């Protein structure tokens, strides 16, 4: 792998770290894009205002204060858990939440900045969004396989329980049959004993007795 490809891969991974999910969409915040595109956040937002017709709601929207607080909390947690510290939002006015840009909005932003470096980095941003989607698809595929395996295990458990239930029923039936056979054998033995007793008793002679 060439050094250029390694740098690109590292850049993509870094960009992925600052892609957030807000309102069910993958977005990047204005100050992160400003850092990536090599401009000041104020200059970036001024360029957006001058070309506001190019940024419909599915390209860009402003965070609410609650969304902004949630993002700040997640960033702080991420920075504590990882050595890769992302852009800090601490310098931003708390009462002025940032703008969020979707993938299309981030690419459009690079075009209105009229900066060669911004255009070049917008390619990396697009690749980062693509990599993020692939990662999500991969996770969904793993989740689906786990769910399928779980369903098969449930089916197997149900099958085993059914076999054990049938075996219990068979054992009960077999036990009942054995008891009936034992009773019949005991009755036959009783009848044989009675026959033996009858045969052992002397038979009374029939007719007249003569004196010797």
C-alpha atoms as a PDB file:
ATOM      1  CA  UNK A   1       0.000   0.000   0.000  1.00  0.00           C
ATOM      2  CA  UNK A   2       1.484   3.346  -1.048  1.00  0.00           C
ATOM      3  CA  UNK A   3       1.933   6.193   1.440  1.00  0.00           C
ATOM      4  CA  UNK A   4      -0.702   8.238  -0.422  1.00  0.00           C
ATOM      5  CA  UNK A   5      -3.279   5.473  -0.053  1.00  0.00           C
ATOM      6  CA  UNK A   6      -2.356   5.079   3.618  1.00  0.00           C
ATOM      7  CA  UNK A   7      -2.879   8.808   4.198  1.00  0.00           C
ATOM      8  CA  UNK A   8      -6.218   8.675   2.377  1.00  0.00           C
ATOM      9  CA  UNK A   9      -7.306   5.687   4.461  1.00  0.00           C
ATOM     10  CA  UNK A  10      -6.322   7.486   7.662  1.00  0.00           C
ATOM     11  CA  UNK A  11      -8.187  10.619   6.536  1.00  0.00           C
ATOM     12  CA  UNK A  12     -11.312   8.616   5.767  1.00  0.00           C
ATOM     13  CA  UNK A  13     -11.204   7.006   9.211  1.00  0.00           C
ATOM     14  CA  UNK A  14     -10.758  10.416  10.850  1.00  0.00           C
ATOM     15  CA  UNK A  15     -13.668  11.846   8.876  1.00  0.00           C
ATOM     16  CA  UNK A  16     -15.862   8.880   9.817  1.00  0.00           C
ATOM     17  CA  UNK A  17     -15.259   9.786  13.473  1.00  0.00           C
ATOM     18  CA  UNK A  18     -17.046  13.113  12.989  1.00  0.00           C
ATOM     19  CA  UNK A  19     -20.052  11.770  11.100  1.00  0.00           C
ATOM     20  CA  UNK A  20     -23.088  11.734  13.394  1.00  0.00           C
ATOM     21  CA  UNK A  21     -26.613  10.409  13.092  1.00  0.00           C
ATOM     22  CA  UNK A  22     -29.176  13.146  13.686  1.00  0.00           C
ATOM     23  CA  UNK A  23     -32.875  12.951  12.767  1.00  0.00           C
ATOM     24  CA  UNK A  24     -32.227   9.596  11.121  1.00  0.00           C
ATOM     25  CA  UNK A  25     -29.561  11.040   8.787  1.00  0.00           C
ATOM     26  CA  UNK A  26     -25.783  10.810   8.655  1.00  0.00           C
ATOM     27  CA  UNK A  27     -24.429  14.362   8.899  1.00  0.00           C
ATOM     28  CA  UNK A  28     -21.311  16.411   9.569  1.00  0.00           C
ATOM     29  CA  UNK A  29     -21.237  19.628  11.573  1.00  0.00           C
ATOM     30  CA  UNK A  30     -20.112  22.976  10.188  1.00  0.00           C
ATOM     31  CA  UNK A  31     -17.014  23.384  12.379  1.00  0.00           C
ATOM     32  CA  UNK A  32     -15.737  19.896  11.489  1.00  0.00           C
ATOM     33  CA  UNK A  33     -16.223  20.581   7.772  1.00  0.00           C
ATOM     34  CA  UNK A  34     -14.505  23.945   8.160  1.00  0.00           C
ATOM     35  CA  UNK A  35     -11.504  22.205   9.718  1.00  0.00           C
ATOM     36  CA  UNK A  36     -11.404  19.579   6.958  1.00  0.00           C
ATOM     37  CA  UNK A  37     -11.827  22.118   4.150  1.00  0.00           C
ATOM     38  CA  UNK A  38      -9.232  24.445   5.633  1.00  0.00           C
ATOM     39  CA  UNK A  39     -11.436  27.496   6.287  1.00  0.00           C
ATOM     40  CA  UNK A  40     -12.863  29.255   9.325  1.00  0.00           C
ATOM     41  CA  UNK A  41     -16.301  28.246  10.534  1.00  0.00           C
ATOM     42  CA  UNK A  42     -17.547  31.824  10.111  1.00  0.00           C
ATOM     43  CA  UNK A  43     -16.317  31.946   6.507  1.00  0.00           C
ATOM     44  CA  UNK A  44     -17.993  28.615   5.791  1.00  0.00           C
ATOM     45  CA  UNK A  45     -21.334  29.803   7.147  1.00  0.00           C
ATOM     46  CA  UNK A  46     -21.051  33.087   5.236  1.00  0.00           C
ATOM     47  CA  UNK A  47     -20.553  31.117   2.019  1.00  0.00           C
ATOM     48  CA  UNK A  48     -23.672  29.104   2.856  1.00  0.00           C
ATOM     49  CA  UNK A  49     -25.736  32.241   3.447  1.00  0.00           C
ATOM     50  CA  UNK A  50     -24.612  33.715   0.122  1.00  0.00           C
ATOM     51  CA  UNK A  51     -25.765  30.517  -1.615  1.00  0.00           C
ATOM     52  CA  UNK A  52     -28.640  29.523   0.620  1.00  0.00           C
ATOM     53  CA  UNK A  53     -30.754  28.420  -2.361  1.00  0.00           C
ATOM     54  CA  UNK A  54     -28.257  25.583  -2.915  1.00  0.00           C
ATOM     55  CA  UNK A  55     -28.862  24.153   0.549  1.00  0.00           C
ATOM     56  CA  UNK A  56     -32.409  22.813   0.909  1.00  0.00           C
ATOM     57  CA  UNK A  57     -33.467  21.055   4.109  1.00  0.00           C
ATOM     58  CA  UNK A  58     -32.231  17.673   2.908  1.00  0.00           C
ATOM     59  CA  UNK A  59     -28.757  19.196   2.374  1.00  0.00           C
ATOM     60  CA  UNK A  60     -28.470  21.239   5.577  1.00  0.00           C
ATOM     61  CA  UNK A  61     -30.358  22.039   8.772  1.00  0.00           C
ATOM     62  CA  UNK A  62     -29.611  23.767  12.062  1.00  0.00           C
ATOM     63  CA  UNK A  63     -29.420  21.710  15.234  1.00  0.00           C
ATOM     64  CA  UNK A  64     -31.745  22.381  18.116  1.00  0.00           C
ATOM     65  CA  UNK A  65     -30.179  23.169  21.488  1.00  0.00           C
ATOM     66  CA  UNK A  66     -31.129  19.700  22.752  1.00  0.00           C
ATOM     67  CA  UNK A  67     -29.517  18.010  19.747  1.00  0.00           C
ATOM     68  CA  UNK A  68     -26.429  20.162  20.226  1.00  0.00           C
ATOM     69  CA  UNK A  69     -26.168  19.191  23.917  1.00  0.00           C
ATOM     70  CA  UNK A  70     -26.494  15.513  22.993  1.00  0.00           C
ATOM     71  CA  UNK A  71     -23.727  15.812  20.394  1.00  0.00           C
ATOM     72  CA  UNK A  72     -21.461  17.580  22.905  1.00  0.00           C
ATOM     73  CA  UNK A  73     -22.044  14.819  25.444  1.00  0.00           C
ATOM     74  CA  UNK A  74     -21.262  12.110  22.892  1.00  0.00           C
ATOM     75  CA  UNK A  75     -18.086  13.915  21.804  1.00  0.00           C
ATOM     76  CA  UNK A  76     -16.869  14.166  25.383  1.00  0.00           C
ATOM     77  CA  UNK A  77     -17.530  10.462  25.975  1.00  0.00           C
ATOM     78  CA  UNK A  78     -15.792   9.561  22.703  1.00  0.00           C
ATOM     79  CA  UNK A  79     -12.755  11.677  23.572  1.00  0.00           C
ATOM     80  CA  UNK A  80     -12.452   9.967  26.955  1.00  0.00           C
ATOM     81  CA  UNK A  81     -12.672   6.489  25.417  1.00  0.00           C
ATOM     82  CA  UNK A  82     -10.383   7.108  22.434  1.00  0.00           C
ATOM     83  CA  UNK A  83      -6.952   8.589  21.873  1.00  0.00           C
ATOM     84  CA  UNK A  84      -8.219  10.209  18.649  1.00  0.00           C
ATOM     85  CA  UNK A  85      -9.595  13.497  19.919  1.00  0.00           C
ATOM     86  CA  UNK A  86     -12.120  14.992  17.528  1.00  0.00           C
ATOM     87  CA  UNK A  87     -12.658  18.666  16.927  1.00  0.00           C
ATOM     88  CA  UNK A  88     -13.710  20.303  20.168  1.00  0.00           C
ATOM     89  CA  UNK A  89     -17.046  22.157  20.216  1.00  0.00           C
ATOM     90  CA  UNK A  90     -16.155  23.911  23.478  1.00  0.00           C
ATOM     91  CA  UNK A  91     -15.177  27.142  21.749  1.00  0.00           C
ATOM     92  CA  UNK A  92     -18.572  27.477  20.107  1.00  0.00           C
ATOM     93  CA  UNK A  93     -21.283  29.698  21.576  1.00  0.00           C
ATOM     94  CA  UNK A  94     -23.615  27.348  23.465  1.00  0.00           C
ATOM     95  CA  UNK A  95     -26.664  29.364  22.413  1.00  0.00           C
ATOM     96  CA  UNK A  96     -25.739  29.091  18.751  1.00  0.00           C
ATOM     97  CA  UNK A  97     -25.965  25.410  17.689  1.00  0.00           C
ATOM     98  CA  UNK A  98     -24.057  24.429  14.536  1.00  0.00           C
ATOM     99  CA  UNK A  99     -25.419  23.573  11.117  1.00  0.00           C
ATOM    100  CA  UNK A 100     -25.515  19.935  10.085  1.00  0.00           C
ATOM    101  CA  UNK A 101     -24.731  18.937   6.494  1.00  0.00           C
ATOM    102  CA  UNK A 102     -25.745  15.703   4.837  1.00  0.00           C
ATOM    103  CA  UNK A 103     -23.443  14.045   2.308  1.00  0.00           C
ATOM    104  CA  UNK A 104     -24.921  16.076  -0.555  1.00  0.00           C
ATOM    105  CA  UNK A 105     -24.722  19.228   1.521  1.00  0.00           C
ATOM    106  CA  UNK A 106     -21.045  18.632   2.314  1.00  0.00           C
ATOM    107  CA  UNK A 107     -20.220  18.218  -1.379  1.00  0.00           C
ATOM    108  CA  UNK A 108     -22.246  21.301  -2.295  1.00  0.00           C
ATOM    109  CA  UNK A 109     -20.418  23.209   0.436  1.00  0.00           C
ATOM    110  CA  UNK A 110     -17.056  22.427  -1.151  1.00  0.00           C
ATOM    111  CA  UNK A 111     -18.277  23.820  -4.469  1.00  0.00           C
ATOM    112  CA  UNK A 112     -19.382  27.177  -3.022  1.00  0.00           C
ATOM    113  CA  UNK A 113     -16.158  27.688  -1.066  1.00  0.00           C
ATOM    114  CA  UNK A 114     -14.177  27.985  -4.334  1.00  0.00           C
ATOM    115  CA  UNK A 115     -11.170  26.360  -2.700  1.00  0.00           C
ATOM    116  CA  UNK A 116      -9.101  23.700  -4.540  1.00  0.00           C
ATOM    117  CA  UNK A 117      -8.279  22.026  -1.212  1.00  0.00           C
ATOM    118  CA  UNK A 118     -11.971  21.966  -0.276  1.00  0.00           C
ATOM    119  CA  UNK A 119     -12.879  20.313  -3.570  1.00  0.00           C
ATOM    120  CA  UNK A 120     -10.120  17.750  -3.072  1.00  0.00           C
ATOM    121  CA  UNK A 121     -11.151  17.013   0.506  1.00  0.00           C
ATOM    122  CA  UNK A 122     -14.817  16.734  -0.494  1.00  0.00           C
ATOM    123  CA  UNK A 123     -13.840  13.534  -2.301  1.00  0.00           C
ATOM    124  CA  UNK A 124     -12.534  12.170   0.993  1.00  0.00           C
ATOM    125  CA  UNK A 125     -15.723  13.277   2.734  1.00  0.00           C
ATOM    126  CA  UNK A 126     -17.835  11.428   0.149  1.00  0.00           C
ATOM    127  CA  UNK A 127     -15.707   8.306   0.560  1.00  0.00           C
ATOM    128  CA  UNK A 128     -16.105   8.525   4.328  1.00  0.00           C
ATOM    129  CA  UNK A 129     -19.900   8.642   3.966  1.00  0.00           C
ATOM    130  CA  UNK A 130     -19.733   5.636   1.620  1.00  0.00           C
ATOM    131  CA  UNK A 131     -17.506   3.738   4.079  1.00  0.00           C
ATOM    132  CA  UNK A 132     -19.961   4.554   6.851  1.00  0.00           C
ATOM    133  CA  UNK A 133     -22.871   3.160   4.824  1.00  0.00           C
ATOM    134  CA  UNK A 134     -20.933  -0.020   4.054  1.00  0.00           C
ATOM    135  CA  UNK A 135     -20.144  -0.459   7.738  1.00  0.00           C
ATOM    136  CA  UNK A 136     -23.821  -0.062   8.626  1.00  0.00           C
ATOM    137  CA  UNK A 137     -24.861  -2.555   5.936  1.00  0.00           C
ATOM    138  CA  UNK A 138     -22.246  -4.994   7.234  1.00  0.00           C
ATOM    139  CA  UNK A 139     -23.544  -4.650  10.797  1.00  0.00           C
ATOM    140  CA  UNK A 140     -27.115  -5.130   9.617  1.00  0.00           C
ATOM    141  CA  UNK A 141     -26.017  -8.273   7.776  1.00  0.00           C
ATOM    142  CA  UNK A 142     -24.372  -9.610  10.939  1.00  0.00           C
ATOM    143  CA  UNK A 143     -27.489  -8.776  12.976  1.00  0.00           C
ATOM    144  CA  UNK A 144     -29.642 -10.594  10.406  1.00  0.00           C
ATOM    145  CA  UNK A 145     -27.422 -13.684  10.559  1.00  0.00           C
ATOM    146  CA  UNK A 146     -27.524 -13.640  14.364  1.00  0.00           C
ATOM    147  CA  UNK A 147     -31.316 -13.352  14.261  1.00  0.00           C
ATOM    148  CA  UNK A 148     -31.543 -16.246  11.799  1.00  0.00           C
ATOM    149  CA  UNK A 149     -29.285 -18.408  13.974  1.00  0.00           C
ATOM    150  CA  UNK A 150     -31.301 -17.465  17.045  1.00  0.00           C
ATOM    151  CA  UNK A 151     -34.495 -18.485  15.232  1.00  0.00           C
ATOM    152  CA  UNK A 152     -32.939 -21.836  14.280  1.00  0.00           C
ATOM    153  CA  UNK A 153     -31.863 -22.402  17.891  1.00  0.00           C
ATOM    154  CA  UNK A 154     -35.409 -21.651  19.051  1.00  0.00           C
ATOM    155  CA  UNK A 155     -36.753 -24.142  16.516  1.00  0.00           C
ATOM    156  CA  UNK A 156     -34.249 -26.751  17.697  1.00  0.00           C
ATOM    157  CA  UNK A 157     -35.183 -26.167  21.337  1.00  0.00           C
ATOM    158  CA  UNK A 158     -38.861 -26.560  20.475  1.00  0.00           C
ATOM    159  CA  UNK A 159     -38.100 -29.791  18.576  1.00  0.00           C
ATOM    160  CA  UNK A 160     -36.097 -31.211  21.502  1.00  0.00           C
ATOM    161  CA  UNK A 161     -38.877 -30.303  23.955  1.00  0.00           C
ATOM    162  CA  UNK A 162     -41.406 -32.011  21.691  1.00  0.00           C
ATOM    163  CA  UNK A 163     -39.251 -35.152  21.572  1.00  0.00           C
ATOM    164  CA  UNK A 164     -38.869 -35.170  25.355  1.00  0.00           C
ATOM    165  CA  UNK A 165     -42.617 -34.671  25.767  1.00  0.00           C
ATOM    166  CA  UNK A 166     -43.340 -37.555  23.394  1.00  0.00           C
ATOM    167  CA  UNK A 167     -40.780 -39.676  25.227  1.00  0.00           C
ATOM    168  CA  UNK A 168     -42.466 -38.948  28.541  1.00  0.00           C
ATOM    169  CA  UNK A 169     -45.825 -39.897  27.037  1.00  0.00           C
ATOM    170  CA  UNK A 170     -44.269 -43.111  25.677  1.00  0.00           C
ATOM    171  CA  UNK A 171     -42.718 -43.900  29.041  1.00  0.00           C
ATOM    172  CA  UNK A 172     -46.053 -43.414  30.765  1.00  0.00           C
ATOM    173  CA  UNK A 173     -47.783 -45.633  28.207  1.00  0.00           C
ATOM    174  CA  UNK A 174     -45.032 -48.231  28.522  1.00  0.00           C
ATOM    175  CA  UNK A 175     -45.285 -48.161  32.293  1.00  0.00           C
ATOM    176  CA  UNK A 176     -49.046 -48.630  32.100  1.00  0.00           C
ATOM    177  CA  UNK A 177     -48.603 -51.534  29.665  1.00  0.00           C
ATOM    178  CA  UNK A 178     -46.006 -53.147  31.918  1.00  0.00           C
ATOM    179  CA  UNK A 179     -48.372 -52.873  34.867  1.00  0.00           C
ATOM    180  CA  UNK A 180     -51.170 -54.514  32.875  1.00  0.00           C
ATOM    181  CA  UNK A 181     -48.842 -57.325  31.773  1.00  0.00           C
ATOM    182  CA  UNK A 182     -47.694 -57.807  35.370  1.00  0.00           C
ATOM    183  CA  UNK A 183     -51.320 -58.046  36.526  1.00  0.00           C
ATOM    184  CA  UNK A 184     -52.089 -60.591  33.803  1.00  0.00           C
ATOM    185  CA  UNK A 185     -49.020 -62.663  34.672  1.00  0.00           C
ATOM    186  CA  UNK A 186     -49.987 -62.576  38.350  1.00  0.00           C
ATOM    187  CA  UNK A 187     -53.518 -63.747  37.433  1.00  0.00           C
ATOM    188  CA  UNK A 188     -52.076 -66.598  35.347  1.00  0.00           C
ATOM    189  CA  UNK A 189     -49.789 -67.621  38.207  1.00  0.00           C
ATOM    190  CA  UNK A 190     -52.736 -67.599  40.618  1.00  0.00           C
ATOM    191  CA  UNK A 191     -54.707 -69.807  38.245  1.00  0.00           C
ATOM    192  CA  UNK A 192     -51.791 -72.235  37.956  1.00  0.00           C
ATOM    193  CA  UNK A 193     -51.423 -72.359  41.723  1.00  0.00           C
ATOM    194  CA  UNK A 194     -55.104 -73.193  42.040  1.00  0.00           C
ATOM    195  CA  UNK A 195     -54.737 -75.992  39.461  1.00  0.00           C
ATOM    196  CA  UNK A 196     -51.754 -77.406  41.329  1.00  0.00           C
ATOM    197  CA  UNK A 197     -53.697 -77.432  44.613  1.00  0.00           C
ATOM    198  CA  UNK A 198     -56.622 -79.166  42.986  1.00  0.00           C
ATOM    199  CA  UNK A 199     -54.374 -81.865  41.464  1.00  0.00           C
ATOM    200  CA  UNK A 200     -52.639 -82.514  44.776  1.00  0.00           C
ATOM    201  CA  UNK A 201     -55.926 -83.471  46.560  1.00  0.00           C
ATOM    202  CA  UNK A 202     -56.836 -87.357  46.267  1.00  0.00           C
ATOM    203  CA  UNK A 203     -59.786 -88.158  44.070  1.00  0.00           C
ATOM    204  CA  UNK A 204     -62.777 -89.898  45.676  1.00  0.00           C
ATOM    205  CA  UNK A 205     -63.488 -93.362  44.238  1.00  0.00           C
ATOM    206  CA  UNK A 206     -66.771 -93.878  42.487  1.00  0.00           C
ATOM    207  CA  UNK A 207     -68.912 -97.063  43.097  1.00  0.00           C
ATOM    208  CA  UNK A 208     -69.283 -99.599  45.942  1.00  0.00           C
ATOM    209  CA  UNK A 209     -66.473-100.367  48.313  1.00  0.00           C
ATOM    210  CA  UNK A 210     -65.617-104.043  48.923  1.00  0.00           C
ATOM    211  CA  UNK A 211     -64.197-105.376  52.135  1.00  0.00           C
ATOM    212  CA  UNK A 212     -61.050-107.313  51.862  1.00  0.00           C
END
